[in-house]
PDB file of N, CA and C in Angstrom:
ATOM      1  N   MET A   1     121.028 -71.771   6.485  1.00  0.00           N
ATOM      2  CA  MET A   1     120.973 -70.756   5.443  1.00  0.00           C
ATOM      3  C   MET A   1     119.525 -70.587   5.022  1.00  0.00           C
ATOM      4  N   SER A   2     119.093 -69.354   4.810  1.00  0.00           N
ATOM      5  CA  SER A   2     117.710 -69.057   4.461  1.00  0.00           C
ATOM      6  C   SER A   2     117.564 -68.916   2.958  1.00  0.00           C
ATOM      7  N   ASP A   3     116.372 -69.276   2.464  1.00  0.00           N
ATOM      8  CA  ASP A   3     116.107 -69.099   1.033  1.00  0.00           C
ATOM      9  C   ASP A   3     115.475 -67.742   0.745  1.00  0.00           C
ATOM     10  N   GLY A   4     115.348 -66.873   1.766  1.00  0.00           N
ATOM     11  CA  GLY A   4     114.778 -65.543   1.573  1.00  0.00           C
ATOM     12  C   GLY A   4     113.265 -65.533   1.600  1.00  0.00           C
ATOM     13  N   GLY A   5     112.657 -66.677   1.830  1.00  0.00           N
ATOM     14  CA  GLY A   5     111.210 -66.744   1.794  1.00  0.00           C
ATOM     15  C   GLY A   5     110.558 -66.585   3.152  1.00  0.00           C
ATOM     16  N   SER A   6     111.304 -66.263   4.191  1.00  0.00           N
ATOM     17  CA  SER A   6     110.740 -66.112   5.521  1.00  0.00           C
ATOM     18  C   SER A   6     109.809 -64.910   5.573  1.00  0.00           C
ATOM     19  N   ARG A   7     108.620 -65.094   6.206  1.00  0.00           N
ATOM     20  CA  ARG A   7     107.669 -64.001   6.335  1.00  0.00           C
ATOM     21  C   ARG A   7     107.767 -63.340   7.700  1.00  0.00           C
ATOM     22  N   GLY A   8     108.613 -63.826   8.563  1.00  0.00           N
ATOM     23  CA  GLY A   8     108.699 -63.281   9.908  1.00  0.00           C
ATOM     24  C   GLY A   8     109.472 -61.983   9.947  1.00  0.00           C
ATOM     25  N   ARG A   9     109.391 -61.340  11.079  1.00  0.00           N
ATOM     26  CA  ARG A   9     110.170 -60.120  11.269  1.00  0.00           C
ATOM     27  C   ARG A   9     111.596 -60.527  11.644  1.00  0.00           C
ATOM     28  N   GLY A  10     112.504 -59.667  11.358  1.00  0.00           N
ATOM     29  CA  GLY A  10     113.886 -59.930  11.731  1.00  0.00           C
ATOM     30  C   GLY A  10     114.580 -60.796  10.702  1.00  0.00           C
ATOM     31  N   ARG A  11     115.781 -61.192  11.063  1.00  0.00           N
ATOM     32  CA  ARG A  11     116.589 -62.014  10.158  1.00  0.00           C
ATOM     33  C   ARG A  11     116.353 -63.481  10.439  1.00  0.00           C
ATOM     34  N   PRO A  12     116.522 -64.307   9.431  1.00  0.00           N
ATOM     35  CA  PRO A  12     116.375 -65.746   9.659  1.00  0.00           C
ATOM     36  C   PRO A  12     117.360 -66.203  10.731  1.00  0.00           C
ATOM     37  N   GLY A  13     116.892 -67.066  11.607  1.00  0.00           N
ATOM     38  CA  GLY A  13     117.765 -67.633  12.616  1.00  0.00           C
ATOM     39  C   GLY A  13     117.902 -66.781  13.869  1.00  0.00           C
ATOM     40  N   ASP A  14     117.256 -65.613  13.957  1.00  0.00           N
ATOM     41  CA  ASP A  14     117.403 -64.787  15.159  1.00  0.00           C
ATOM     42  C   ASP A  14     116.295 -65.067  16.175  1.00  0.00           C
ATOM     43  N   GLY A  15     115.529 -66.111  15.975  1.00  0.00           N
ATOM     44  CA  GLY A  15     114.491 -66.476  16.920  1.00  0.00           C
ATOM     45  C   GLY A  15     113.150 -65.813  16.649  1.00  0.00           C
ATOM     46  N   ALA A  16     113.057 -64.988  15.600  1.00  0.00           N
ATOM     47  CA  ALA A  16     111.789 -64.332  15.278  1.00  0.00           C
ATOM     48  C   ALA A  16     110.790 -65.374  14.803  1.00  0.00           C
ATOM     49  N   ARG A  17     109.563 -65.226  15.249  1.00  0.00           N
ATOM     50  CA  ARG A  17     108.526 -66.163  14.831  1.00  0.00           C
ATOM     51  C   ARG A  17     107.812 -65.620  13.606  1.00  0.00           C
ATOM     52  N   GLU A  18     107.315 -66.517  12.797  1.00  0.00           N
ATOM     53  CA  GLU A  18     106.571 -66.088  11.613  1.00  0.00           C
ATOM     54  C   GLU A  18     105.237 -65.493  12.038  1.00  0.00           C
ATOM     55  N   GLU A  19     104.840 -64.431  11.355  1.00  0.00           N
ATOM     56  CA  GLU A  19     103.547 -63.818  11.625  1.00  0.00           C
ATOM     57  C   GLU A  19     102.468 -64.599  10.901  1.00  0.00           C
ATOM     58  N   PRO A  20     101.289 -64.660  11.475  1.00  0.00           N
ATOM     59  CA  PRO A  20     100.207 -65.357  10.776  1.00  0.00           C
ATOM     60  C   PRO A  20      99.814 -64.590   9.514  1.00  0.00           C
ATOM     61  N   ALA A  21      99.252 -65.297   8.577  1.00  0.00           N
ATOM     62  CA  ALA A  21      98.797 -64.662   7.336  1.00  0.00           C
ATOM     63  C   ALA A  21      97.689 -63.660   7.648  1.00  0.00           C
ATOM     64  N   VAL A  22      97.610 -62.614   6.868  1.00  0.00           N
ATOM     65  CA  VAL A  22      96.569 -61.606   7.046  1.00  0.00           C
ATOM     66  C   VAL A  22      95.254 -62.178   6.528  1.00  0.00           C
ATOM     67  N   ARG A  23      94.202 -62.045   7.338  1.00  0.00           N
ATOM     68  CA  ARG A  23      92.892 -62.514   6.913  1.00  0.00           C
ATOM     69  C   ARG A  23      92.044 -61.301   6.584  1.00  0.00           C
ATOM     70  N   ARG A  24      91.492 -61.280   5.410  1.00  0.00           N
ATOM     71  CA  ARG A  24      90.656 -60.175   4.962  1.00  0.00           C
ATOM     72  C   ARG A  24      89.218 -60.659   4.836  1.00  0.00           C
ATOM     73  N   PRO A  25      88.273 -59.774   5.134  1.00  0.00           N
ATOM     74  CA  PRO A  25      86.871 -60.178   4.966  1.00  0.00           C
ATOM     75  C   PRO A  25      86.541 -60.344   3.489  1.00  0.00           C
ATOM     76  N   GLY A  26      85.497 -61.091   3.225  1.00  0.00           N
ATOM     77  CA  GLY A  26      85.050 -61.253   1.847  1.00  0.00           C
ATOM     78  C   GLY A  26      84.535 -59.937   1.286  1.00  0.00           C
ATOM     79  N   PHE A  27      84.397 -59.848  -0.005  1.00  0.00           N
ATOM     80  CA  PHE A  27      83.911 -58.619  -0.628  1.00  0.00           C
ATOM     81  C   PHE A  27      82.415 -58.714  -0.864  1.00  0.00           C
ATOM     82  N   VAL A  28      81.818 -57.544  -0.993  1.00  0.00           N
ATOM     83  CA  VAL A  28      80.386 -57.452  -1.246  1.00  0.00           C
ATOM     84  C   VAL A  28      80.188 -56.538  -2.447  1.00  0.00           C
ATOM     85  N   VAL A  29      79.404 -56.968  -3.398  1.00  0.00           N
ATOM     86  CA  VAL A  29      79.067 -56.137  -4.548  1.00  0.00           C
ATOM     87  C   VAL A  29      77.776 -55.402  -4.212  1.00  0.00           C
ATOM     88  N   LEU A  30      77.859 -54.085  -4.215  1.00  0.00           N
ATOM     89  CA  LEU A  30      76.686 -53.278  -3.889  1.00  0.00           C
ATOM     90  C   LEU A  30      75.751 -53.203  -5.086  1.00  0.00           C
ATOM     91  N   GLY A  31      74.486 -53.093  -4.813  1.00  0.00           N
ATOM     92  CA  GLY A  31      73.492 -52.988  -5.868  1.00  0.00           C
ATOM     93  C   GLY A  31      73.357 -51.569  -6.383  1.00  0.00           C
ATOM     94  N   ALA A  32      72.536 -51.389  -7.387  1.00  0.00           N
ATOM     95  CA  ALA A  32      72.328 -50.082  -8.004  1.00  0.00           C
ATOM     96  C   ALA A  32      71.778 -49.063  -7.016  1.00  0.00           C
ATOM     97  N   GLU A  33      71.101 -49.525  -5.962  1.00  0.00           N
ATOM     98  CA  GLU A  33      70.555 -48.594  -4.978  1.00  0.00           C
ATOM     99  C   GLU A  33      71.650 -47.877  -4.187  1.00  0.00           C
ATOM    100  N   ALA A  34      72.891 -48.341  -4.269  1.00  0.00           N
ATOM    101  CA  ALA A  34      74.003 -47.682  -3.579  1.00  0.00           C
ATOM    102  C   ALA A  34      74.503 -46.456  -4.346  1.00  0.00           C
ATOM    103  N   LEU A  35      74.131 -46.334  -5.603  1.00  0.00           N
ATOM    104  CA  LEU A  35      74.550 -45.187  -6.421  1.00  0.00           C
ATOM    105  C   LEU A  35      73.547 -44.051  -6.279  1.00  0.00           C
ATOM    106  N   PRO A  36      74.022 -42.813  -6.362  1.00  0.00           N
ATOM    107  CA  PRO A  36      73.051 -41.714  -6.347  1.00  0.00           C
ATOM    108  C   PRO A  36      72.216 -41.745  -7.626  1.00  0.00           C
ATOM    109  N   PRO A  37      70.959 -41.352  -7.549  1.00  0.00           N
ATOM    110  CA  PRO A  37      70.132 -41.305  -8.752  1.00  0.00           C
ATOM    111  C   PRO A  37      70.732 -40.345  -9.785  1.00  0.00           C
ATOM    112  N   ALA A  38      70.432 -40.575 -11.041  1.00  0.00           N
ATOM    113  CA  ALA A  38      70.961 -39.738 -12.124  1.00  0.00           C
ATOM    114  C   ALA A  38      70.588 -38.270 -11.938  1.00  0.00           C
ATOM    115  N   THR A  39      69.456 -38.003 -11.299  1.00  0.00           N
ATOM    116  CA  THR A  39      69.038 -36.609 -11.073  1.00  0.00           C
ATOM    117  C   THR A  39      69.906 -35.906 -10.036  1.00  0.00           C
ATOM    118  N   ASN A  40      70.742 -36.664  -9.318  1.00  0.00           N
ATOM    119  CA  ASN A  40      71.634 -36.074  -8.329  1.00  0.00           C
ATOM    120  C   ASN A  40      73.086 -36.025  -8.803  1.00  0.00           C
ATOM    121  N   VAL A  41      73.314 -36.306 -10.081  1.00  0.00           N
ATOM    122  CA  VAL A  41      74.678 -36.293 -10.610  1.00  0.00           C
ATOM    123  C   VAL A  41      74.747 -35.341 -11.791  1.00  0.00           C
ATOM    124  N   VAL A  42      75.709 -34.435 -11.765  1.00  0.00           N
ATOM    125  CA  VAL A  42      75.903 -33.474 -12.851  1.00  0.00           C
ATOM    126  C   VAL A  42      77.313 -33.648 -13.393  1.00  0.00           C
ATOM    127  N   ARG A  43      77.415 -33.894 -14.682  1.00  0.00           N
ATOM    128  CA  ARG A  43      78.705 -34.012 -15.374  1.00  0.00           C
ATOM    129  C   ARG A  43      78.627 -33.248 -16.672  1.00  0.00           C
ATOM    130  N   PRO A  44      79.540 -32.428 -17.000  1.00  0.00           N
ATOM    131  CA  PRO A  44      80.644 -31.967 -16.175  1.00  0.00           C
ATOM    132  C   PRO A  44      80.139 -31.008 -15.098  1.00  0.00           C
ATOM    133  N   VAL A  45      80.947 -30.854 -14.059  1.00  0.00           N
ATOM    134  CA  VAL A  45      80.592 -29.952 -12.964  1.00  0.00           C
ATOM    135  C   VAL A  45      80.694 -28.515 -13.452  1.00  0.00           C
ATOM    136  N   PRO A  46      79.653 -27.708 -13.233  1.00  0.00           N
ATOM    137  CA  PRO A  46      79.707 -26.307 -13.649  1.00  0.00           C
ATOM    138  C   PRO A  46      80.845 -25.562 -12.937  1.00  0.00           C
ATOM    139  N   GLN A  47      81.500 -24.713 -13.653  1.00  0.00           N
ATOM    140  CA  GLN A  47      82.568 -23.891 -13.078  1.00  0.00           C
ATOM    141  C   GLN A  47      82.256 -22.448 -13.368  1.00  0.00           C
ATOM    142  N   PRO A  48      82.584 -21.541 -12.545  1.00  0.00           N
ATOM    143  CA  PRO A  48      83.245 -21.723 -11.260  1.00  0.00           C
ATOM    144  C   PRO A  48      82.237 -22.078 -10.180  1.00  0.00           C
ATOM    145  N   LEU A  49      82.775 -22.560  -9.047  1.00  0.00           N
ATOM    146  CA  LEU A  49      81.949 -22.769  -7.870  1.00  0.00           C
ATOM    147  C   LEU A  49      81.764 -21.397  -7.236  1.00  0.00           C
ATOM    148  N   THR A  50      80.518 -20.986  -7.085  1.00  0.00           N
ATOM    149  CA  THR A  50      80.221 -19.585  -6.770  1.00  0.00           C
ATOM    150  C   THR A  50      79.781 -19.321  -5.338  1.00  0.00           C
ATOM    151  N   HIS A  51      79.444 -20.376  -4.605  1.00  0.00           N
ATOM    152  CA  HIS A  51      78.922 -20.222  -3.246  1.00  0.00           C
ATOM    153  C   HIS A  51      79.572 -21.254  -2.339  1.00  0.00           C
ATOM    154  N   GLU A  52      79.425 -21.037  -1.027  1.00  0.00           N
ATOM    155  CA  GLU A  52      79.837 -22.058  -0.075  1.00  0.00           C
ATOM    156  C   GLU A  52      78.790 -22.169   1.016  1.00  0.00           C
ATOM    157  N   LEU A  53      78.737 -23.353   1.606  1.00  0.00           N
ATOM    158  CA  LEU A  53      77.804 -23.585   2.703  1.00  0.00           C
ATOM    159  C   LEU A  53      78.352 -22.942   3.969  1.00  0.00           C
ATOM    160  N   VAL A  54      77.486 -22.267   4.710  1.00  0.00           N
ATOM    161  CA  VAL A  54      77.909 -21.623   5.952  1.00  0.00           C
ATOM    162  C   VAL A  54      77.591 -22.481   7.177  1.00  0.00           C
ATOM    163  N   VAL A  55      76.853 -23.557   6.985  1.00  0.00           N
ATOM    164  CA  VAL A  55      76.514 -24.498   8.062  1.00  0.00           C
ATOM    165  C   VAL A  55      76.576 -25.912   7.491  1.00  0.00           C
ATOM    166  N   ASP A  56      76.755 -26.898   8.364  1.00  0.00           N
ATOM    167  CA  ASP A  56      76.632 -28.292   7.928  1.00  0.00           C
ATOM    168  C   ASP A  56      75.215 -28.483   7.412  1.00  0.00           C
ATOM    169  N   GLN A  57      75.088 -29.090   6.237  1.00  0.00           N
ATOM    170  CA  GLN A  57      73.774 -29.175   5.605  1.00  0.00           C
ATOM    171  C   GLN A  57      73.398 -30.618   5.282  1.00  0.00           C
ATOM    172  N   PRO A  58      72.439 -31.207   6.022  1.00  0.00           N
ATOM    173  CA  PRO A  58      71.938 -32.530   5.651  1.00  0.00           C
ATOM    174  C   PRO A  58      71.243 -32.452   4.284  1.00  0.00           C
ATOM    175  N   PHE A  59      71.307 -33.538   3.535  1.00  0.00           N
ATOM    176  CA  PHE A  59      70.634 -33.573   2.237  1.00  0.00           C
ATOM    177  C   PHE A  59      69.997 -34.929   2.018  1.00  0.00           C
ATOM    178  N   THR A  60      68.997 -34.947   1.161  1.00  0.00           N
ATOM    179  CA  THR A  60      68.376 -36.191   0.737  1.00  0.00           C
ATOM    180  C   THR A  60      68.519 -36.304  -0.774  1.00  0.00           C
ATOM    181  N   LEU A  61      68.655 -37.528  -1.228  1.00  0.00           N
ATOM    182  CA  LEU A  61      68.747 -37.784  -2.655  1.00  0.00           C
ATOM    183  C   LEU A  61      67.349 -37.901  -3.239  1.00  0.00           C
ATOM    184  N   ASP A  62      67.246 -37.738  -4.543  1.00  0.00           N
ATOM    185  CA  ASP A  62      65.958 -37.769  -5.242  1.00  0.00           C
ATOM    186  C   ASP A  62      65.497 -39.214  -5.440  1.00  0.00           C
ATOM    187  N   ARG A  63      65.139 -39.857  -4.351  1.00  0.00           N
ATOM    188  CA  ARG A  63      64.641 -41.232  -4.412  1.00  0.00           C
ATOM    189  C   ARG A  63      63.177 -41.247  -3.991  1.00  0.00           C
ATOM    190  N   PRO A  64      62.411 -42.201  -4.520  1.00  0.00           N
ATOM    191  CA  PRO A  64      61.032 -42.312  -4.063  1.00  0.00           C
ATOM    192  C   PRO A  64      60.995 -42.733  -2.594  1.00  0.00           C
ATOM    193  N   GLY A  65      59.968 -42.328  -1.918  1.00  0.00           N
ATOM    194  CA  GLY A  65      59.838 -42.655  -0.495  1.00  0.00           C
ATOM    195  C   GLY A  65      59.997 -41.392   0.323  1.00  0.00           C
ATOM    196  N   GLY A  66      59.142 -41.231   1.269  1.00  0.00           N
ATOM    197  CA  GLY A  66      59.089 -39.998   2.030  1.00  0.00           C
ATOM    198  C   GLY A  66      60.075 -39.901   3.166  1.00  0.00           C
ATOM    199  N   ASP A  67      59.600 -40.051   4.378  1.00  0.00           N
ATOM    200  CA  ASP A  67      60.364 -39.770   5.580  1.00  0.00           C
ATOM    201  C   ASP A  67      61.394 -40.858   5.880  1.00  0.00           C
ATOM    202  N   ARG A  68      62.538 -40.770   5.242  1.00  0.00           N
ATOM    203  CA  ARG A  68      63.572 -41.753   5.529  1.00  0.00           C
ATOM    204  C   ARG A  68      64.804 -41.113   6.136  1.00  0.00           C
ATOM    205  N   GLY A  69      64.769 -39.811   6.342  1.00  0.00           N
ATOM    206  CA  GLY A  69      65.910 -39.129   6.939  1.00  0.00           C
ATOM    207  C   GLY A  69      66.933 -38.734   5.888  1.00  0.00           C
ATOM    208  N   PRO A  70      67.958 -37.988   6.302  1.00  0.00           N
ATOM    209  CA  PRO A  70      68.958 -37.518   5.339  1.00  0.00           C
ATOM    210  C   PRO A  70      69.833 -38.661   4.827  1.00  0.00           C
ATOM    211  N   ASP A  71      70.315 -38.487   3.592  1.00  0.00           N
ATOM    212  CA  ASP A  71      71.236 -39.451   2.989  1.00  0.00           C
ATOM    213  C   ASP A  71      72.690 -39.103   3.297  1.00  0.00           C
ATOM    214  N   GLY A  72      72.926 -37.892   3.742  1.00  0.00           N
ATOM    215  CA  GLY A  72      74.283 -37.464   4.059  1.00  0.00           C
ATOM    216  C   GLY A  72      74.279 -36.028   4.534  1.00  0.00           C
ATOM    217  N   VAL A  73      75.477 -35.521   4.797  1.00  0.00           N
ATOM    218  CA  VAL A  73      75.636 -34.145   5.254  1.00  0.00           C
ATOM    219  C   VAL A  73      76.791 -33.514   4.493  1.00  0.00           C
ATOM    220  N   LEU A  74      76.529 -32.352   3.914  1.00  0.00           N
ATOM    221  CA  LEU A  74      77.602 -31.558   3.315  1.00  0.00           C
ATOM    222  C   LEU A  74      78.146 -30.648   4.411  1.00  0.00           C
ATOM    223  N   PRO A  75      79.450 -30.700   4.686  1.00  0.00           N
ATOM    224  CA  PRO A  75      79.991 -29.878   5.773  1.00  0.00           C
ATOM    225  C   PRO A  75      80.047 -28.396   5.407  1.00  0.00           C
ATOM    226  N   ALA A  76      79.977 -27.548   6.432  1.00  0.00           N
ATOM    227  CA  ALA A  76      80.147 -26.111   6.234  1.00  0.00           C
ATOM    228  C   ALA A  76      81.478 -25.885   5.519  1.00  0.00           C
ATOM    229  N   GLY A  77      81.488 -24.936   4.607  1.00  0.00           N
ATOM    230  CA  GLY A  77      82.689 -24.650   3.822  1.00  0.00           C
ATOM    231  C   GLY A  77      82.719 -25.344   2.474  1.00  0.00           C
ATOM    232  N   THR A  78      81.784 -26.283   2.235  1.00  0.00           N
ATOM    233  CA  THR A  78      81.722 -26.954   0.936  1.00  0.00           C
ATOM    234  C   THR A  78      81.372 -25.924  -0.131  1.00  0.00           C
ATOM    235  N   ARG A  79      82.171 -25.882  -1.177  1.00  0.00           N
ATOM    236  CA  ARG A  79      81.912 -24.953  -2.281  1.00  0.00           C
ATOM    237  C   ARG A  79      80.999 -25.613  -3.300  1.00  0.00           C
ATOM    238  N   VAL A  80      80.079 -24.815  -3.835  1.00  0.00           N
ATOM    239  CA  VAL A  80      79.083 -25.326  -4.772  1.00  0.00           C
ATOM    240  C   VAL A  80      78.850 -24.323  -5.895  1.00  0.00           C
ATOM    241  N   ALA A  81      78.275 -24.817  -6.965  1.00  0.00           N
ATOM    242  CA  ALA A  81      77.744 -23.969  -8.033  1.00  0.00           C
ATOM    243  C   ALA A  81      76.227 -24.053  -7.920  1.00  0.00           C
ATOM    244  N   VAL A  82      75.557 -22.918  -7.951  1.00  0.00           N
ATOM    245  CA  VAL A  82      74.097 -22.897  -7.863  1.00  0.00           C
ATOM    246  C   VAL A  82      73.532 -23.036  -9.273  1.00  0.00           C
ATOM    247  N   LEU A  83      72.722 -24.086  -9.474  1.00  0.00           N
ATOM    248  CA  LEU A  83      72.108 -24.309 -10.782  1.00  0.00           C
ATOM    249  C   LEU A  83      70.889 -23.435 -10.966  1.00  0.00           C
ATOM    250  N   HIS A  84      70.011 -23.442  -9.983  1.00  0.00           N
ATOM    251  CA  HIS A  84      68.854 -22.556 -10.004  1.00  0.00           C
ATOM    252  C   HIS A  84      68.401 -22.306  -8.581  1.00  0.00           C
ATOM    253  N   ALA A  85      67.822 -21.131  -8.391  1.00  0.00           N
ATOM    254  CA  ALA A  85      67.427 -20.711  -7.048  1.00  0.00           C
ATOM    255  C   ALA A  85      65.946 -20.399  -7.019  1.00  0.00           C
ATOM    256  N   GLY A  86      65.295 -20.866  -5.981  1.00  0.00           N
ATOM    257  CA  GLY A  86      63.909 -20.505  -5.714  1.00  0.00           C
ATOM    258  C   GLY A  86      63.885 -19.488  -4.597  1.00  0.00           C
ATOM    259  N   ASP A  87      62.714 -19.258  -4.062  1.00  0.00           N
ATOM    260  CA  ASP A  87      62.589 -18.296  -2.969  1.00  0.00           C
ATOM    261  C   ASP A  87      63.332 -18.762  -1.722  1.00  0.00           C
ATOM    262  N   ASP A  88      63.155 -20.039  -1.372  1.00  0.00           N
ATOM    263  CA  ASP A  88      63.740 -20.548  -0.131  1.00  0.00           C
ATOM    264  C   ASP A  88      64.842 -21.574  -0.340  1.00  0.00           C
ATOM    265  N   ARG A  89      64.849 -22.253  -1.503  1.00  0.00           N
ATOM    266  CA  ARG A  89      65.808 -23.350  -1.725  1.00  0.00           C
ATOM    267  C   ARG A  89      66.542 -23.166  -3.038  1.00  0.00           C
ATOM    268  N   CYS A  90      67.734 -23.767  -3.099  1.00  0.00           N
ATOM    269  CA  CYS A  90      68.564 -23.726  -4.307  1.00  0.00           C
ATOM    270  C   CYS A  90      68.981 -25.141  -4.666  1.00  0.00           C
ATOM    271  N   ARG A  91      69.156 -25.377  -5.956  1.00  0.00           N
ATOM    272  CA  ARG A  91      69.753 -26.629  -6.419  1.00  0.00           C
ATOM    273  C   ARG A  91      71.228 -26.329  -6.599  1.00  0.00           C
ATOM    274  N   ALA A  92      72.069 -27.001  -5.815  1.00  0.00           N
ATOM    275  CA  ALA A  92      73.502 -26.730  -5.815  1.00  0.00           C
ATOM    276  C   ALA A  92      74.272 -27.990  -6.182  1.00  0.00           C
ATOM    277  N   VAL A  93      75.430 -27.809  -6.823  1.00  0.00           N
ATOM    278  CA  VAL A  93      76.285 -28.915  -7.258  1.00  0.00           C
ATOM    279  C   VAL A  93      77.652 -28.773  -6.606  1.00  0.00           C
ATOM    280  N   THR A  94      78.127 -29.842  -5.977  1.00  0.00           N
ATOM    281  CA  THR A  94      79.444 -29.841  -5.356  1.00  0.00           C
ATOM    282  C   THR A  94      80.528 -30.078  -6.409  1.00  0.00           C
ATOM    283  N   SER A  95      81.775 -29.949  -6.010  1.00  0.00           N
ATOM    284  CA  SER A  95      82.893 -30.168  -6.939  1.00  0.00           C
ATOM    285  C   SER A  95      82.978 -31.610  -7.419  1.00  0.00           C
ATOM    286  N   SER A  96      82.328 -32.535  -6.706  1.00  0.00           N
ATOM    287  CA  SER A  96      82.316 -33.935  -7.139  1.00  0.00           C
ATOM    288  C   SER A  96      81.133 -34.244  -8.045  1.00  0.00           C
ATOM    289  N   GLY A  97      80.250 -33.251  -8.283  1.00  0.00           N
ATOM    290  CA  GLY A  97      79.124 -33.447  -9.177  1.00  0.00           C
ATOM    291  C   GLY A  97      77.839 -33.866  -8.495  1.00  0.00           C
ATOM    292  N   LEU A  98      77.801 -33.854  -7.163  1.00  0.00           N
ATOM    293  CA  LEU A  98      76.587 -34.201  -6.440  1.00  0.00           C
ATOM    294  C   LEU A  98      75.660 -32.998  -6.422  1.00  0.00           C
ATOM    295  N   ALA A  99      74.442 -33.166  -6.949  1.00  0.00           N
ATOM    296  CA  ALA A  99      73.459 -32.088  -7.008  1.00  0.00           C
ATOM    297  C   ALA A  99      72.365 -32.347  -5.985  1.00  0.00           C
ATOM    298  N   VAL A 100      72.171 -31.382  -5.076  1.00  0.00           N
ATOM    299  CA  VAL A 100      71.158 -31.515  -4.025  1.00  0.00           C
ATOM    300  C   VAL A 100      70.488 -30.168  -3.799  1.00  0.00           C
ATOM    301  N   ASP A 101      69.321 -30.211  -3.172  1.00  0.00           N
ATOM    302  CA  ASP A 101      68.621 -28.991  -2.791  1.00  0.00           C
ATOM    303  C   ASP A 101      69.074 -28.576  -1.400  1.00  0.00           C
ATOM    304  N   VAL A 102      69.387 -27.299  -1.253  1.00  0.00           N
ATOM    305  CA  VAL A 102      69.800 -26.762   0.046  1.00  0.00           C
ATOM    306  C   VAL A 102      69.031 -25.469   0.295  1.00  0.00           C
ATOM    307  N   PRO A 103      68.848 -25.102   1.560  1.00  0.00           N
ATOM    308  CA  PRO A 103      68.192 -23.830   1.850  1.00  0.00           C
ATOM    309  C   PRO A 103      69.053 -22.659   1.362  1.00  0.00           C
ATOM    310  N   ARG A 104      68.404 -21.683   0.803  1.00  0.00           N
ATOM    311  CA  ARG A 104      69.115 -20.494   0.320  1.00  0.00           C
ATOM    312  C   ARG A 104      69.896 -19.838   1.455  1.00  0.00           C
ATOM    313  N   ALA A 105      69.338 -19.859   2.672  1.00  0.00           N
ATOM    314  CA  ALA A 105      69.989 -19.237   3.825  1.00  0.00           C
ATOM    315  C   ALA A 105      71.279 -19.954   4.230  1.00  0.00           C
ATOM    316  N   ALA A 106      71.497 -21.178   3.754  1.00  0.00           N
ATOM    317  CA  ALA A 106      72.702 -21.935   4.098  1.00  0.00           C
ATOM    318  C   ALA A 106      73.884 -21.585   3.198  1.00  0.00           C
ATOM    319  N   LEU A 107      73.664 -20.713   2.201  1.00  0.00           N
ATOM    320  CA  LEU A 107      74.707 -20.385   1.221  1.00  0.00           C
ATOM    321  C   LEU A 107      75.217 -18.965   1.389  1.00  0.00           C
ATOM    322  N   ARG A 108      76.497 -18.822   1.104  1.00  0.00           N
ATOM    323  CA  ARG A 108      77.129 -17.500   1.060  1.00  0.00           C
ATOM    324  C   ARG A 108      77.829 -17.391  -0.281  1.00  0.00           C
ATOM    325  N   GLU A 109      77.602 -16.285  -0.969  1.00  0.00           N
ATOM    326  CA  GLU A 109      78.242 -16.066  -2.270  1.00  0.00           C
ATOM    327  C   GLU A 109      79.725 -15.804  -2.061  1.00  0.00           C
ATOM    328  N   LEU A 110      80.536 -16.444  -2.889  1.00  0.00           N
ATOM    329  CA  LEU A 110      81.979 -16.228  -2.830  1.00  0.00           C
ATOM    330  C   LEU A 110      82.363 -14.993  -3.626  1.00  0.00           C
ATOM    331  N   PRO A 111      83.417 -14.296  -3.204  1.00  0.00           N
ATOM    332  CA  PRO A 111      83.874 -13.163  -4.003  1.00  0.00           C
ATOM    333  C   PRO A 111      84.413 -13.669  -5.345  1.00  0.00           C
ATOM    334  N   PRO A 112      84.333 -12.855  -6.401  1.00  0.00           N
ATOM    335  CA  PRO A 112      84.849 -13.298  -7.709  1.00  0.00           C
ATOM    336  C   PRO A 112      86.319 -13.695  -7.606  1.00  0.00           C
ATOM    337  N   GLY A 113      86.634 -14.782  -8.273  1.00  0.00           N
ATOM    338  CA  GLY A 113      88.014 -15.284  -8.307  1.00  0.00           C
ATOM    339  C   GLY A 113      88.431 -16.054  -7.074  1.00  0.00           C
ATOM    340  N   ALA A 114      87.524 -16.299  -6.149  1.00  0.00           N
ATOM    341  CA  ALA A 114      87.887 -17.031  -4.915  1.00  0.00           C
ATOM    342  C   ALA A 114      87.978 -18.513  -5.173  1.00  0.00           C
TER     343      ALA A 114
END
């Protein structure tokens, strides 16, 4: 008779073997450098989102240090709110509040109410 504590598959006594315990890796606490800088976070997110990216757009966060490559890529179709626009670049905010500079040519204005 089983006490119900069997961890194996199947019913007790049917020849099923117990499965080994699941082993999980240890955890790691990330440092403050894993968070985006405050200059790249906007709360609350401006509404409505007025533009979308027409191409995949690499971006860099506002961190000190020059040529380190992109920090990520916003995929084409990402909707954004434009905070301010220059001649060639715009500061745009995603629905998650990530604010980055993108080329003006990478944006398409959405129709009202979209």
